Amino acid sequence: MVSITFQPTTEDTILFVGGGKVAERRMQLFIDEPCNIVVIAPTVTDRICQWAKDNRITWYDRAFTMDDEHHIITSSLLFICTDNSKLNDTLYDMGKKHRVWTNRSDAPQDMMNRYGQLQKAMPRLKIFREEVKLLLPTPEARQKFWRNHLTVETFEAILKGEWRTIEEKLAHEISGIRSKS
């Protein structure tokens, strides 16, 4: 089994569409982290409801609509936890379009298995992340950098075993930022 470590910060928003037991289990992993948790669901479990009452999460008590796309755009992670496969397809496509890490609960494999090939890249990506944090002063600048350089195509290349090429490109981009500083 391969695991991927995501260390959320106050800059990260984790979006959950759906509020059932699956969403609750996945949300539990982040509830004590310094991130923003947003839930869009017309019904939620008692525990999720309590987290909302305690201001530990933001709960939009309604079904997801296309007007909610901005929530996906601003998220670091998207968890799709509904039993509506058509909506799940749409949400998955939106996550991919906006280059947001997406976990779809109705898929036969979970995020760890689908992205298991990233294990080799993760230690170096963590180092790159720390370098970018030092070089780019604002969360917006850092987010723009990562959205431009860690694209769906980048992840697909890594999954195909092309990590070294991606690593060289990222090192070159970071070196360029460093030389401008």
N, C-alpha and C. Protein backbone atom coordinates (compact mmCIF):
# COMPACT_ATOMS: atom_id res chain seq x y z
N MET A 1 0.84 -1.18 0.00
CA MET A 1 0.00 0.00 0.00
C MET A 1 0.87 1.23 0.00
N VAL A 2 0.54 2.20 -0.82
CA VAL A 2 1.26 3.45 -0.93
C VAL A 2 0.39 4.54 -0.32
N SER A 3 1.00 5.43 0.42
CA SER A 3 0.22 6.54 0.95
C SER A 3 0.83 7.85 0.49
N ILE A 4 -0.04 8.85 0.35
CA ILE A 4 0.38 10.18 -0.03
C ILE A 4 0.05 11.09 1.14
N THR A 5 1.01 11.91 1.50
CA THR A 5 0.79 12.82 2.60
C THR A 5 0.44 14.19 2.05
N PHE A 6 -0.68 14.72 2.50
CA PHE A 6 -1.09 16.08 2.17
C PHE A 6 -1.16 16.81 3.49
N GLN A 7 -0.36 17.85 3.63
CA GLN A 7 -0.33 18.60 4.86
C GLN A 7 -1.07 19.92 4.65
N PRO A 8 -2.35 19.95 5.02
CA PRO A 8 -3.13 21.16 4.78
C PRO A 8 -2.65 22.33 5.62
N THR A 9 -2.81 23.51 5.05
CA THR A 9 -2.46 24.75 5.74
C THR A 9 -3.70 25.63 5.79
N THR A 10 -3.57 26.77 6.43
CA THR A 10 -4.69 27.70 6.51
C THR A 10 -5.06 28.23 5.12
N GLU A 11 -4.17 28.08 4.16
CA GLU A 11 -4.43 28.52 2.79
C GLU A 11 -5.29 27.51 2.01
N ASP A 12 -5.43 26.30 2.51
CA ASP A 12 -6.12 25.23 1.78
C ASP A 12 -7.59 25.16 2.14
N THR A 13 -8.40 25.01 1.08
CA THR A 13 -9.81 24.72 1.25
C THR A 13 -10.05 23.32 0.73
N ILE A 14 -10.74 22.53 1.53
CA ILE A 14 -11.09 21.17 1.14
C ILE A 14 -12.60 21.13 0.99
N LEU A 15 -13.04 20.81 -0.22
CA LEU A 15 -14.47 20.85 -0.55
C LEU A 15 -15.05 19.44 -0.56
N PHE A 16 -16.16 19.29 0.12
CA PHE A 16 -16.92 18.04 0.12
C PHE A 16 -18.28 18.32 -0.50
N VAL A 17 -18.61 17.58 -1.55
CA VAL A 17 -19.95 17.65 -2.10
C VAL A 17 -20.62 16.35 -1.69
N GLY A 18 -21.60 16.47 -0.80
CA GLY A 18 -22.23 15.32 -0.19
C GLY A 18 -21.92 15.34 1.29
N GLY A 19 -22.87 14.85 2.10
CA GLY A 19 -22.68 14.94 3.54
C GLY A 19 -23.03 13.68 4.31
N GLY A 20 -22.89 12.53 3.65
CA GLY A 20 -23.21 11.26 4.30
C GLY A 20 -22.04 10.70 5.09
N LYS A 21 -22.13 9.42 5.41
CA LYS A 21 -21.11 8.74 6.22
C LYS A 21 -19.74 8.73 5.54
N VAL A 22 -19.73 8.56 4.21
CA VAL A 22 -18.44 8.56 3.49
C VAL A 22 -17.78 9.92 3.63
N ALA A 23 -18.54 10.98 3.41
CA ALA A 23 -18.00 12.33 3.57
C ALA A 23 -17.50 12.55 4.99
N GLU A 24 -18.28 12.10 5.95
CA GLU A 24 -17.89 12.27 7.36
C GLU A 24 -16.56 11.58 7.65
N ARG A 25 -16.40 10.35 7.17
CA ARG A 25 -15.14 9.61 7.40
C ARG A 25 -13.95 10.36 6.80
N ARG A 26 -14.12 10.86 5.61
CA ARG A 26 -13.01 11.56 4.95
C ARG A 26 -12.76 12.92 5.59
N MET A 27 -13.83 13.58 5.99
CA MET A 27 -13.72 14.87 6.65
C MET A 27 -12.98 14.75 7.98
N GLN A 28 -13.20 13.65 8.66
CA GLN A 28 -12.55 13.41 9.95
C GLN A 28 -11.03 13.52 9.84
N LEU A 29 -10.48 13.16 8.69
CA LEU A 29 -9.04 13.23 8.48
C LEU A 29 -8.52 14.67 8.51
N PHE A 30 -9.39 15.64 8.25
CA PHE A 30 -8.98 17.03 8.13
C PHE A 30 -9.53 17.95 9.21
N ILE A 31 -10.44 17.45 10.02
CA ILE A 31 -11.19 18.31 10.94
C ILE A 31 -10.29 19.04 11.95
N ASP A 32 -9.18 18.44 12.32
CA ASP A 32 -8.28 19.08 13.28
C ASP A 32 -7.10 19.77 12.60
N GLU A 33 -7.11 19.82 11.29
CA GLU A 33 -6.03 20.47 10.55
C GLU A 33 -6.35 21.95 10.36
N PRO A 34 -5.34 22.76 10.08
CA PRO A 34 -5.57 24.21 9.95
C PRO A 34 -6.06 24.61 8.55
N CYS A 35 -7.06 23.91 8.05
CA CYS A 35 -7.58 24.20 6.72
C CYS A 35 -9.04 24.62 6.81
N ASN A 36 -9.58 25.07 5.69
CA ASN A 36 -10.99 25.43 5.60
C ASN A 36 -11.74 24.26 4.97
N ILE A 37 -12.73 23.76 5.65
CA ILE A 37 -13.54 22.66 5.13
C ILE A 37 -14.89 23.23 4.73
N VAL A 38 -15.26 22.99 3.49
CA VAL A 38 -16.54 23.46 2.96
C VAL A 38 -17.34 22.24 2.54
N VAL A 39 -18.61 22.21 2.94
CA VAL A 39 -19.51 21.11 2.59
C VAL A 39 -20.71 21.69 1.86
N ILE A 40 -21.04 21.09 0.73
CA ILE A 40 -22.26 21.45 0.02
C ILE A 40 -23.11 20.19 -0.04
N ALA A 41 -24.22 20.21 0.69
CA ALA A 41 -25.10 19.04 0.75
C ALA A 41 -26.43 19.45 1.38
N PRO A 42 -27.54 18.95 0.84
CA PRO A 42 -28.84 19.27 1.43
C PRO A 42 -29.09 18.56 2.75
N THR A 43 -28.42 17.45 2.97
CA THR A 43 -28.50 16.74 4.24
C THR A 43 -27.11 16.27 4.62
N VAL A 44 -26.87 16.25 5.92
CA VAL A 44 -25.57 15.79 6.42
C VAL A 44 -25.80 14.91 7.64
N THR A 45 -24.76 14.19 8.03
CA THR A 45 -24.83 13.38 9.23
C THR A 45 -24.91 14.29 10.45
N ASP A 46 -25.30 13.72 11.55
CA ASP A 46 -25.39 14.49 12.80
C ASP A 46 -24.02 15.09 13.17
N ARG A 47 -22.99 14.31 12.93
CA ARG A 47 -21.65 14.76 13.30
C ARG A 47 -21.23 15.95 12.44
N ILE A 48 -21.47 15.88 11.14
CA ILE A 48 -21.13 17.00 10.25
C ILE A 48 -21.94 18.23 10.65
N CYS A 49 -23.20 18.03 10.98
CA CYS A 49 -24.06 19.13 11.44
C CYS A 49 -23.48 19.78 12.69
N GLN A 50 -22.99 18.98 13.59
CA GLN A 50 -22.40 19.51 14.83
C GLN A 50 -21.13 20.29 14.52
N TRP A 51 -20.30 19.78 13.61
CA TRP A 51 -19.09 20.52 13.23
C TRP A 51 -19.45 21.88 12.66
N ALA A 52 -20.53 21.94 11.89
CA ALA A 52 -20.98 23.22 11.34
C ALA A 52 -21.43 24.15 12.46
N LYS A 53 -22.21 23.62 13.42
CA LYS A 53 -22.67 24.42 14.55
C LYS A 53 -21.51 24.94 15.38
N ASP A 54 -20.44 24.14 15.46
CA ASP A 54 -19.25 24.52 16.21
C ASP A 54 -18.29 25.40 15.39
N ASN A 55 -18.70 25.77 14.19
CA ASN A 55 -17.89 26.60 13.28
C ASN A 55 -16.55 25.96 12.92
N ARG A 56 -16.53 24.65 12.87
CA ARG A 56 -15.32 23.94 12.45
C ARG A 56 -15.31 23.72 10.94
N ILE A 57 -16.49 23.81 10.33
CA ILE A 57 -16.64 23.69 8.89
C ILE A 57 -17.68 24.72 8.43
N THR A 58 -17.71 24.94 7.13
CA THR A 58 -18.76 25.76 6.53
C THR A 58 -19.67 24.82 5.76
N TRP A 59 -20.95 24.84 6.10
CA TRP A 59 -21.92 23.95 5.46
C TRP A 59 -22.94 24.78 4.69
N TYR A 60 -23.01 24.51 3.39
CA TYR A 60 -24.06 25.09 2.55
C TYR A 60 -25.17 24.05 2.47
N ASP A 61 -26.26 24.33 3.12
CA ASP A 61 -27.38 23.40 3.27
C ASP A 61 -28.23 23.41 2.00
N ARG A 62 -27.68 22.83 0.94
CA ARG A 62 -28.39 22.77 -0.34
C ARG A 62 -27.64 21.85 -1.28
N ALA A 63 -28.28 21.54 -2.39
CA ALA A 63 -27.64 20.72 -3.41
C ALA A 63 -26.62 21.56 -4.19
N PHE A 64 -25.62 20.91 -4.72
CA PHE A 64 -24.63 21.57 -5.56
C PHE A 64 -25.28 22.05 -6.84
N THR A 65 -24.95 23.27 -7.27
CA THR A 65 -25.41 23.80 -8.55
C THR A 65 -24.20 24.31 -9.32
N MET A 66 -24.39 24.62 -10.57
CA MET A 66 -23.28 25.11 -11.39
C MET A 66 -22.75 26.45 -10.85
N ASP A 67 -23.56 27.17 -10.10
CA ASP A 67 -23.10 28.41 -9.47
C ASP A 67 -22.03 28.15 -8.42
N ASP A 68 -21.89 26.90 -7.99
CA ASP A 68 -20.90 26.54 -6.97
C ASP A 68 -19.53 26.21 -7.56
N GLU A 69 -19.37 26.35 -8.86
CA GLU A 69 -18.09 26.02 -9.49
C GLU A 69 -16.94 26.79 -8.84
N HIS A 70 -17.19 28.02 -8.41
CA HIS A 70 -16.12 28.80 -7.78
C HIS A 70 -15.55 28.11 -6.54
N HIS A 71 -16.37 27.30 -5.87
CA HIS A 71 -15.86 26.55 -4.71
C HIS A 71 -14.82 25.52 -5.16
N ILE A 72 -15.04 24.92 -6.32
CA ILE A 72 -14.08 23.96 -6.84
C ILE A 72 -12.79 24.67 -7.23
N ILE A 73 -12.93 25.79 -7.93
CA ILE A 73 -11.77 26.55 -8.41
C ILE A 73 -10.84 26.93 -7.26
N THR A 74 -11.40 27.26 -6.12
CA THR A 74 -10.59 27.74 -4.99
C THR A 74 -10.18 26.63 -4.03
N SER A 75 -10.49 25.39 -4.35
CA SER A 75 -10.17 24.28 -3.45
C SER A 75 -8.83 23.64 -3.77
N SER A 76 -8.22 23.08 -2.75
CA SER A 76 -7.01 22.28 -2.93
C SER A 76 -7.36 20.82 -3.17
N LEU A 77 -8.44 20.38 -2.54
CA LEU A 77 -8.93 19.00 -2.69
C LEU A 77 -10.44 19.04 -2.84
N LEU A 78 -10.95 18.14 -3.68
CA LEU A 78 -12.39 17.99 -3.87
C LEU A 78 -12.76 16.54 -3.58
N PHE A 79 -13.65 16.36 -2.63
CA PHE A 79 -14.17 15.03 -2.33
C PHE A 79 -15.61 14.96 -2.83
N ILE A 80 -15.85 14.05 -3.77
CA ILE A 80 -17.18 13.85 -4.34
C ILE A 80 -17.81 12.68 -3.60
N CYS A 81 -18.82 12.97 -2.80
CA CYS A 81 -19.41 11.95 -1.92
C CYS A 81 -20.93 11.88 -2.08
N THR A 82 -21.40 11.90 -3.32
CA THR A 82 -22.85 11.79 -3.53
C THR A 82 -23.16 10.44 -4.15
N ASP A 83 -24.44 10.10 -4.17
CA ASP A 83 -24.86 8.85 -4.82
C ASP A 83 -25.49 9.12 -6.19
N ASN A 84 -25.23 10.32 -6.73
CA ASN A 84 -25.75 10.72 -8.03
C ASN A 84 -24.61 10.63 -9.05
N SER A 85 -24.56 9.55 -9.82
CA SER A 85 -23.41 9.33 -10.71
C SER A 85 -23.29 10.41 -11.79
N LYS A 86 -24.40 10.95 -12.26
CA LYS A 86 -24.33 12.02 -13.27
C LYS A 86 -23.69 13.27 -12.66
N LEU A 87 -24.12 13.64 -11.46
CA LEU A 87 -23.49 14.78 -10.76
C LEU A 87 -22.03 14.49 -10.49
N ASN A 88 -21.73 13.28 -10.06
CA ASN A 88 -20.34 12.90 -9.79
C ASN A 88 -19.47 13.03 -11.04
N ASP A 89 -20.01 12.63 -12.19
CA ASP A 89 -19.28 12.79 -13.46
C ASP A 89 -18.98 14.27 -13.71
N THR A 90 -20.00 15.10 -13.52
CA THR A 90 -19.84 16.54 -13.75
C THR A 90 -18.81 17.13 -12.79
N LEU A 91 -18.90 16.77 -11.52
CA LEU A 91 -17.96 17.28 -10.52
C LEU A 91 -16.54 16.82 -10.81
N TYR A 92 -16.40 15.56 -11.20
CA TYR A 92 -15.07 15.03 -11.53
C TYR A 92 -14.47 15.82 -12.70
N ASP A 93 -15.28 16.05 -13.74
CA ASP A 93 -14.81 16.82 -14.90
C ASP A 93 -14.43 18.24 -14.50
N MET A 94 -15.20 18.84 -13.61
CA MET A 94 -14.88 20.19 -13.15
C MET A 94 -13.58 20.22 -12.35
N GLY A 95 -13.38 19.22 -11.50
CA GLY A 95 -12.14 19.14 -10.75
C GLY A 95 -10.94 19.02 -11.67
N LYS A 96 -11.09 18.18 -12.68
CA LYS A 96 -10.00 17.98 -13.65
C LYS A 96 -9.74 19.28 -14.43
N LYS A 97 -10.81 19.92 -14.86
CA LYS A 97 -10.71 21.18 -15.62
C LYS A 97 -9.94 22.23 -14.82
N HIS A 98 -10.20 22.30 -13.53
CA HIS A 98 -9.59 23.34 -12.70
C HIS A 98 -8.34 22.85 -11.96
N ARG A 99 -7.87 21.67 -12.34
CA ARG A 99 -6.62 21.11 -11.81
C ARG A 99 -6.64 20.97 -10.30
N VAL A 100 -7.74 20.46 -9.80
CA VAL A 100 -7.91 20.24 -8.36
C VAL A 100 -7.84 18.73 -8.11
N TRP A 101 -7.05 18.35 -7.12
CA TRP A 101 -7.00 16.94 -6.75
C TRP A 101 -8.40 16.51 -6.37
N THR A 102 -8.86 15.43 -6.96
CA THR A 102 -10.24 15.01 -6.80
C THR A 102 -10.32 13.55 -6.38
N ASN A 103 -11.18 13.29 -5.41
CA ASN A 103 -11.44 11.93 -4.97
C ASN A 103 -12.93 11.68 -5.15
N ARG A 104 -13.23 10.65 -5.89
CA ARG A 104 -14.61 10.31 -6.18
C ARG A 104 -14.96 9.04 -5.41
N SER A 105 -15.89 9.14 -4.47
CA SER A 105 -16.18 8.01 -3.58
C SER A 105 -16.88 6.86 -4.27
N ASP A 106 -17.51 7.10 -5.43
CA ASP A 106 -18.19 6.00 -6.10
C ASP A 106 -17.30 5.27 -7.10
N ALA A 107 -16.04 5.67 -7.18
CA ALA A 107 -15.09 4.98 -8.06
C ALA A 107 -14.58 3.73 -7.34
N PRO A 108 -14.23 2.69 -8.09
CA PRO A 108 -13.79 1.46 -7.43
C PRO A 108 -12.48 1.58 -6.67
N GLN A 109 -11.67 2.59 -6.98
CA GLN A 109 -10.40 2.78 -6.25
C GLN A 109 -10.43 4.11 -5.56
N ASP A 110 -9.73 4.21 -4.46
CA ASP A 110 -9.67 5.49 -3.76
C ASP A 110 -8.46 6.29 -4.24
N MET A 111 -8.33 7.51 -3.71
CA MET A 111 -7.27 8.41 -4.13
C MET A 111 -5.89 7.80 -3.96
N MET A 112 -5.66 7.13 -2.86
CA MET A 112 -4.33 6.58 -2.60
C MET A 112 -3.93 5.57 -3.67
N ASN A 113 -4.87 4.73 -4.08
CA ASN A 113 -4.56 3.74 -5.11
C ASN A 113 -4.37 4.38 -6.47
N ARG A 114 -5.27 5.31 -6.82
CA ARG A 114 -5.18 5.93 -8.14
C ARG A 114 -3.90 6.72 -8.30
N TYR A 115 -3.47 7.37 -7.23
CA TYR A 115 -2.28 8.20 -7.32
C TYR A 115 -1.06 7.54 -6.70
N GLY A 116 -1.12 6.24 -6.53
CA GLY A 116 -0.03 5.52 -5.89
C GLY A 116 1.31 5.68 -6.56
N GLN A 117 1.32 5.85 -7.87
CA GLN A 117 2.57 6.01 -8.59
C GLN A 117 3.30 7.30 -8.22
N LEU A 118 2.62 8.19 -7.55
CA LEU A 118 3.25 9.45 -7.17
C LEU A 118 4.20 9.32 -5.99
N GLN A 119 4.25 8.15 -5.40
CA GLN A 119 5.08 7.97 -4.20
C GLN A 119 6.52 8.41 -4.44
N LYS A 120 7.07 8.08 -5.60
CA LYS A 120 8.46 8.45 -5.88
C LYS A 120 8.63 9.97 -5.93
N ALA A 121 7.60 10.66 -6.41
CA ALA A 121 7.70 12.10 -6.61
C ALA A 121 7.47 12.89 -5.32
N MET A 122 6.72 12.35 -4.39
CA MET A 122 6.27 13.12 -3.23
C MET A 122 7.40 13.73 -2.38
N PRO A 123 8.48 13.02 -2.06
CA PRO A 123 9.52 13.66 -1.25
C PRO A 123 10.12 14.90 -1.93
N ARG A 124 10.36 14.78 -3.23
CA ARG A 124 10.94 15.92 -3.96
C ARG A 124 9.92 17.04 -4.12
N LEU A 125 8.65 16.69 -4.35
CA LEU A 125 7.60 17.71 -4.46
C LEU A 125 7.47 18.49 -3.16
N LYS A 126 7.67 17.82 -2.04
CA LYS A 126 7.60 18.49 -0.74
C LYS A 126 8.74 19.51 -0.62
N ILE A 127 9.92 19.15 -1.09
CA ILE A 127 11.06 20.08 -1.08
C ILE A 127 10.76 21.26 -2.00
N PHE A 128 10.24 20.97 -3.20
CA PHE A 128 9.87 22.05 -4.13
C PHE A 128 8.84 22.98 -3.49
N ARG A 129 7.87 22.39 -2.79
CA ARG A 129 6.82 23.20 -2.14
C ARG A 129 7.43 24.17 -1.14
N GLU A 130 8.38 23.69 -0.34
CA GLU A 130 9.02 24.56 0.65
C GLU A 130 9.82 25.67 -0.03
N GLU A 131 10.50 25.33 -1.14
CA GLU A 131 11.26 26.35 -1.88
C GLU A 131 10.33 27.42 -2.43
N VAL A 132 9.21 26.99 -3.02
CA VAL A 132 8.25 27.94 -3.58
C VAL A 132 7.67 28.82 -2.48
N LYS A 133 7.41 28.25 -1.30
CA LYS A 133 6.90 29.04 -0.18
C LYS A 133 7.87 30.15 0.20
N LEU A 134 9.16 29.86 0.13
CA LEU A 134 10.17 30.86 0.46
C LEU A 134 10.33 31.92 -0.63
N LEU A 135 10.16 31.50 -1.88
CA LEU A 135 10.40 32.40 -3.01
C LEU A 135 9.21 33.27 -3.39
N LEU A 136 8.02 32.75 -3.24
CA LEU A 136 6.82 33.50 -3.63
C LEU A 136 6.10 33.96 -2.37
N PRO A 137 5.97 35.26 -2.19
CA PRO A 137 5.50 35.81 -0.92
C PRO A 137 4.01 35.64 -0.61
N THR A 138 3.18 35.48 -1.62
CA THR A 138 1.74 35.44 -1.33
C THR A 138 1.14 34.07 -1.64
N PRO A 139 0.09 33.71 -0.92
CA PRO A 139 -0.61 32.45 -1.22
C PRO A 139 -1.12 32.42 -2.66
N GLU A 140 -1.56 33.57 -3.15
CA GLU A 140 -2.07 33.62 -4.53
C GLU A 140 -0.98 33.31 -5.54
N ALA A 141 0.21 33.85 -5.33
CA ALA A 141 1.32 33.60 -6.24
C ALA A 141 1.73 32.13 -6.22
N ARG A 142 1.76 31.56 -5.01
CA ARG A 142 2.12 30.15 -4.89
C ARG A 142 1.06 29.27 -5.55
N GLN A 143 -0.20 29.57 -5.31
CA GLN A 143 -1.28 28.78 -5.91
C GLN A 143 -1.21 28.86 -7.44
N LYS A 144 -0.95 30.05 -7.96
CA LYS A 144 -0.84 30.21 -9.42
C LYS A 144 0.33 29.37 -9.96
N PHE A 145 1.45 29.41 -9.26
CA PHE A 145 2.61 28.63 -9.69
C PHE A 145 2.25 27.15 -9.79
N TRP A 146 1.66 26.60 -8.71
CA TRP A 146 1.37 25.17 -8.70
C TRP A 146 0.28 24.80 -9.70
N ARG A 147 -0.72 25.65 -9.86
CA ARG A 147 -1.77 25.34 -10.85
C ARG A 147 -1.22 25.37 -12.27
N ASN A 148 -0.19 26.19 -12.50
CA ASN A 148 0.42 26.24 -13.83
C ASN A 148 1.37 25.08 -14.08
N HIS A 149 1.98 24.56 -13.03
CA HIS A 149 3.04 23.57 -13.22
C HIS A 149 2.69 22.16 -12.76
N LEU A 150 1.68 22.01 -11.94
CA LEU A 150 1.22 20.67 -11.57
C LEU A 150 -0.18 20.48 -12.16
N THR A 151 -0.20 20.26 -13.43
CA THR A 151 -1.46 20.13 -14.17
C THR A 151 -1.89 18.68 -14.25
N VAL A 152 -3.05 18.47 -14.78
CA VAL A 152 -3.52 17.10 -15.01
C VAL A 152 -2.52 16.36 -15.90
N GLU A 153 -2.01 17.06 -16.90
CA GLU A 153 -1.03 16.46 -17.80
C GLU A 153 0.25 16.08 -17.06
N THR A 154 0.65 16.93 -16.12
CA THR A 154 1.84 16.64 -15.31
C THR A 154 1.63 15.34 -14.53
N PHE A 155 0.48 15.23 -13.87
CA PHE A 155 0.21 14.02 -13.08
C PHE A 155 0.12 12.79 -13.98
N GLU A 156 -0.46 12.96 -15.15
CA GLU A 156 -0.54 11.83 -16.07
C GLU A 156 0.86 11.40 -16.50
N ALA A 157 1.74 12.37 -16.71
CA ALA A 157 3.12 12.04 -17.07
C ALA A 157 3.83 11.31 -15.94
N ILE A 158 3.60 11.76 -14.71
CA ILE A 158 4.21 11.09 -13.56
C ILE A 158 3.71 9.65 -13.47
N LEU A 159 2.41 9.48 -13.67
CA LEU A 159 1.83 8.13 -13.62
C LEU A 159 2.40 7.23 -14.71
N LYS A 160 2.86 7.82 -15.81
CA LYS A 160 3.47 7.05 -16.90
C LYS A 160 4.96 6.80 -16.66
N GLY A 161 5.47 7.24 -15.52
CA GLY A 161 6.87 7.00 -15.20
C GLY A 161 7.81 8.09 -15.68
N GLU A 162 7.28 9.28 -15.94
CA GLU A 162 8.09 10.39 -16.46
C GLU A 162 8.44 11.41 -15.37
N TRP A 163 8.58 10.95 -14.14
CA TRP A 163 8.85 11.86 -13.04
C TRP A 163 10.13 12.65 -13.23
N ARG A 164 11.19 12.03 -13.71
CA ARG A 164 12.47 12.74 -13.85
C ARG A 164 12.34 13.96 -14.76
N THR A 165 11.60 13.84 -15.84
CA THR A 165 11.38 14.96 -16.76
C THR A 165 10.61 16.08 -16.06
N ILE A 166 9.58 15.71 -15.33
CA ILE A 166 8.78 16.70 -14.59
C ILE A 166 9.64 17.36 -13.52
N GLU A 167 10.43 16.56 -12.82
CA GLU A 167 11.31 17.10 -11.78
C GLU A 167 12.27 18.14 -12.36
N GLU A 168 12.84 17.85 -13.52
CA GLU A 168 13.76 18.79 -14.16
C GLU A 168 13.04 20.08 -14.55
N LYS A 169 11.83 19.97 -15.08
CA LYS A 169 11.06 21.16 -15.45
C LYS A 169 10.75 22.01 -14.24
N LEU A 170 10.31 21.37 -13.15
CA LEU A 170 10.00 22.12 -11.93
C LEU A 170 11.26 22.80 -11.37
N ALA A 171 12.37 22.07 -11.34
CA ALA A 171 13.63 22.64 -10.85
C ALA A 171 14.03 23.85 -11.68
N HIS A 172 13.83 23.76 -13.00
CA HIS A 172 14.16 24.87 -13.90
C HIS A 172 13.27 26.09 -13.60
N GLU A 173 11.97 25.86 -13.42
CA GLU A 173 11.03 26.95 -13.14
C GLU A 173 11.36 27.62 -11.81
N ILE A 174 11.67 26.82 -10.80
CA ILE A 174 12.00 27.37 -9.48
C ILE A 174 13.32 28.13 -9.55
N SER A 175 14.27 27.60 -10.30
CA SER A 175 15.55 28.29 -10.49
C SER A 175 15.32 29.65 -11.16
N GLY A 176 14.40 29.69 -12.11
CA GLY A 176 14.07 30.96 -12.77
C GLY A 176 13.51 31.99 -11.81
N ILE A 177 12.65 31.54 -10.89
CA ILE A 177 12.09 32.44 -9.88
C ILE A 177 13.21 32.94 -8.97
N ARG A 178 14.10 32.02 -8.59
CA ARG A 178 15.20 32.36 -7.68
C ARG A 178 16.11 33.41 -8.33
N SER A 179 16.36 33.28 -9.63
CA SER A 179 17.27 34.23 -10.30
C SER A 179 16.63 35.61 -10.45
N LYS A 180 15.31 35.68 -10.43
CA LYS A 180 14.62 36.98 -10.51
C LYS A 180 14.55 37.68 -9.15
N SER A 181 14.76 36.89 -8.07
CA SER A 181 14.64 37.44 -6.71
C SER A 181 15.81 38.30 -6.35
